[in-house]
Protein backbone atom coordinates (compact mmCIF):
# COMPACT_ATOMS: atom_id res chain seq x y z
CA MET A 1 -23.01 32.26 -99.65
CA SER A 2 -22.26 30.45 -102.87
CA ARG A 3 -22.42 26.29 -103.00
CA ASN A 4 -20.26 26.19 -105.56
CA GLY A 5 -17.04 27.68 -104.16
CA PRO A 6 -13.31 25.43 -104.71
CA TYR A 7 -14.07 23.84 -101.47
CA GLU A 8 -17.63 22.87 -101.67
CA ARG A 9 -17.09 21.53 -105.25
CA TYR A 10 -14.16 19.18 -104.06
CA TYR A 11 -15.95 17.90 -101.11
CA ALA A 12 -19.36 17.41 -103.09
CA GLU A 13 -16.85 15.17 -105.69
CA ARG A 14 -15.53 13.20 -102.89
CA GLU A 15 -18.81 12.57 -101.01
CA ALA A 16 -20.18 11.75 -104.75
CA SER A 17 -17.38 9.21 -105.19
CA GLY A 18 -18.08 7.62 -101.74
CA GLN A 19 -14.54 8.59 -100.56
CA ARG A 20 -14.40 9.83 -96.73
CA THR A 21 -13.42 13.24 -95.94
CA VAL A 22 -10.84 13.17 -93.03
CA LEU A 23 -11.83 15.69 -90.27
CA TRP A 24 -9.56 14.95 -87.89
CA PRO A 25 -7.16 17.79 -88.48
CA TRP A 26 -9.51 19.79 -88.39
CA VAL A 27 -11.42 18.61 -84.83
CA LEU A 28 -7.55 19.10 -83.49
CA LEU A 29 -7.07 22.55 -84.62
CA ALA A 30 -10.53 23.17 -83.16
CA LEU A 31 -9.77 22.13 -79.74
CA VAL A 32 -5.83 22.76 -79.35
CA VAL A 33 -6.28 26.50 -80.77
CA PRO A 34 -8.47 27.61 -78.29
CA LEU A 35 -6.41 26.01 -75.38
CA LEU A 36 -3.39 27.78 -76.23
CA LEU A 37 -5.35 31.07 -76.94
CA VAL A 38 -6.75 30.61 -73.32
CA ARG A 39 -3.26 29.87 -72.00
CA SER A 40 -1.37 32.52 -73.57
CA PHE A 41 -4.29 35.08 -71.69
CA VAL A 42 -3.84 33.52 -68.29
CA VAL A 43 -1.86 35.59 -65.73
CA ALA A 44 0.04 33.67 -62.92
CA ASP A 45 -0.32 34.61 -59.44
CA GLU A 46 3.25 34.75 -58.94
CA PRO A 47 4.78 38.50 -59.87
CA ALA A 48 6.97 38.53 -62.72
CA GLY A 49 10.58 38.80 -61.98
CA ALA A 50 12.61 41.75 -63.95
CA THR A 51 14.45 40.83 -66.98
CA ALA A 52 17.11 43.21 -66.57
CA THR A 53 17.80 45.82 -64.08
CA HIS A 54 19.38 49.05 -64.87
CA GLN A 55 22.14 49.72 -62.52
CA ALA A 56 24.26 53.32 -62.30
CA ALA A 57 27.81 53.06 -63.13
CA PRO A 58 29.89 53.53 -59.65
CA ALA A 59 31.31 56.80 -59.79
CA PRO A 60 34.77 56.90 -60.53
CA ALA A 61 37.27 56.51 -57.21
CA ARG A 62 39.41 59.58 -56.07
CA GLU A 63 41.98 57.14 -54.32
CA ALA A 64 43.71 54.47 -56.31
CA GLY A 65 46.67 52.47 -55.61
CA GLN A 66 48.60 49.48 -57.62
CA GLY A 67 46.79 48.03 -60.87
CA VAL A 68 45.24 48.99 -64.26
CA HIS A 69 42.79 52.09 -63.90
CA ARG A 70 40.91 54.02 -66.76
CA ALA A 71 40.54 57.69 -66.14
CA GLY A 72 37.20 58.73 -66.08
CA THR A 73 35.75 55.23 -65.50
CA ASP A 74 37.61 53.65 -62.63
CA ILE A 75 39.28 56.87 -61.56
CA GLU A 76 38.68 60.48 -61.54
CA PRO A 77 40.18 62.74 -64.65
CA GLY A 78 42.26 65.00 -63.15
CA THR A 79 45.47 65.92 -61.05
CA TRP A 80 46.53 62.86 -58.72
CA ALA A 81 48.91 63.53 -56.36
CA THR A 82 50.80 60.99 -54.19
CA ASP A 83 53.35 61.58 -50.73
CA GLY A 84 55.69 58.69 -52.39
CA PRO A 85 56.85 55.32 -51.64
CA GLY A 86 58.40 54.42 -47.98
CA SER A 87 62.44 54.77 -47.74
CA GLY A 88 64.17 53.12 -50.36
CA ALA A 89 61.23 52.08 -52.29
CA GLU A 90 60.00 53.27 -55.63
CA CYS A 91 56.77 53.37 -57.06
CA GLY A 92 55.31 55.18 -60.59
CA TYR A 93 52.66 55.38 -63.28
CA THR A 94 52.40 54.78 -66.80
CA ARG A 95 49.63 56.68 -68.86
CA THR A 96 48.74 55.38 -72.04
CA ALA A 97 46.50 56.69 -74.74
CA ALA A 98 42.94 55.30 -75.97
CA ASP A 99 45.00 54.67 -79.16
CA GLY A 100 47.19 52.69 -77.34
CA VAL A 101 50.30 55.01 -77.53
CA GLU A 102 52.17 55.76 -74.07
CA VAL A 103 51.78 59.39 -73.19
CA ALA A 104 53.79 59.53 -70.01
CA SER A 105 55.74 57.69 -67.44
CA ALA A 106 57.59 58.29 -64.43
CA ARG A 107 59.23 56.38 -61.48
CA LEU A 108 59.20 58.11 -57.88
CA HIS A 109 61.23 58.13 -55.08
CA GLY A 110 59.18 60.83 -53.36
CA ALA A 111 56.71 63.01 -53.39
CA ALA A 112 54.94 63.74 -56.88
CA ALA A 113 51.96 64.55 -58.58
CA ALA A 114 50.31 63.59 -62.33
CA ARG A 115 47.56 64.59 -64.74
CA PHE A 116 45.30 61.98 -66.04
CA LEU A 117 43.00 62.76 -68.82
CA ASP A 118 39.68 61.20 -69.55
CA GLY A 119 39.74 57.98 -71.58
CA GLU A 120 43.91 57.19 -70.60
CA SER A 121 44.87 54.09 -69.17
CA VAL A 122 46.89 54.40 -66.00
CA VAL A 123 49.14 51.89 -64.87
CA LEU A 124 50.10 52.37 -60.92
CA THR A 125 53.04 50.23 -59.91
CA GLY A 126 54.49 50.25 -56.50
CA GLY A 127 53.14 50.67 -53.06
CA CYS A 128 52.11 54.21 -53.55
CA THR A 129 48.84 55.38 -52.77
CA TRP A 130 47.45 57.93 -55.21
CA THR A 131 44.87 60.90 -54.50
CA ALA A 132 42.90 63.35 -56.99
CA ASP A 133 43.18 66.08 -55.69
């Protein structure tokens, strides 16, 4: 290896002029870097916890009551039926397409059936219990 490289000349010139070369940064690096490398390869005795868990989405329900439901996610798409509300009561539904446009709406006083399409938002009101056929 050549003794005339840029670093060798620099240190030779410093030594010739009586200037001291500062070694502490190099000594510090020589001690710290191996410690960091060893630490990165040391495996803890404790098992690693899961960072993420994959859970299957719950199956869409086949029975629904009052509330807002999304066909295909919360409830199954398809034909749904109800026996209707008790005497003197009223229940109903409002279907809204994915783009926010109201598709259908009905107020019920007896037994009825409706078709809820995949992706629609369905608002069920009153005390009726709806079941998928």
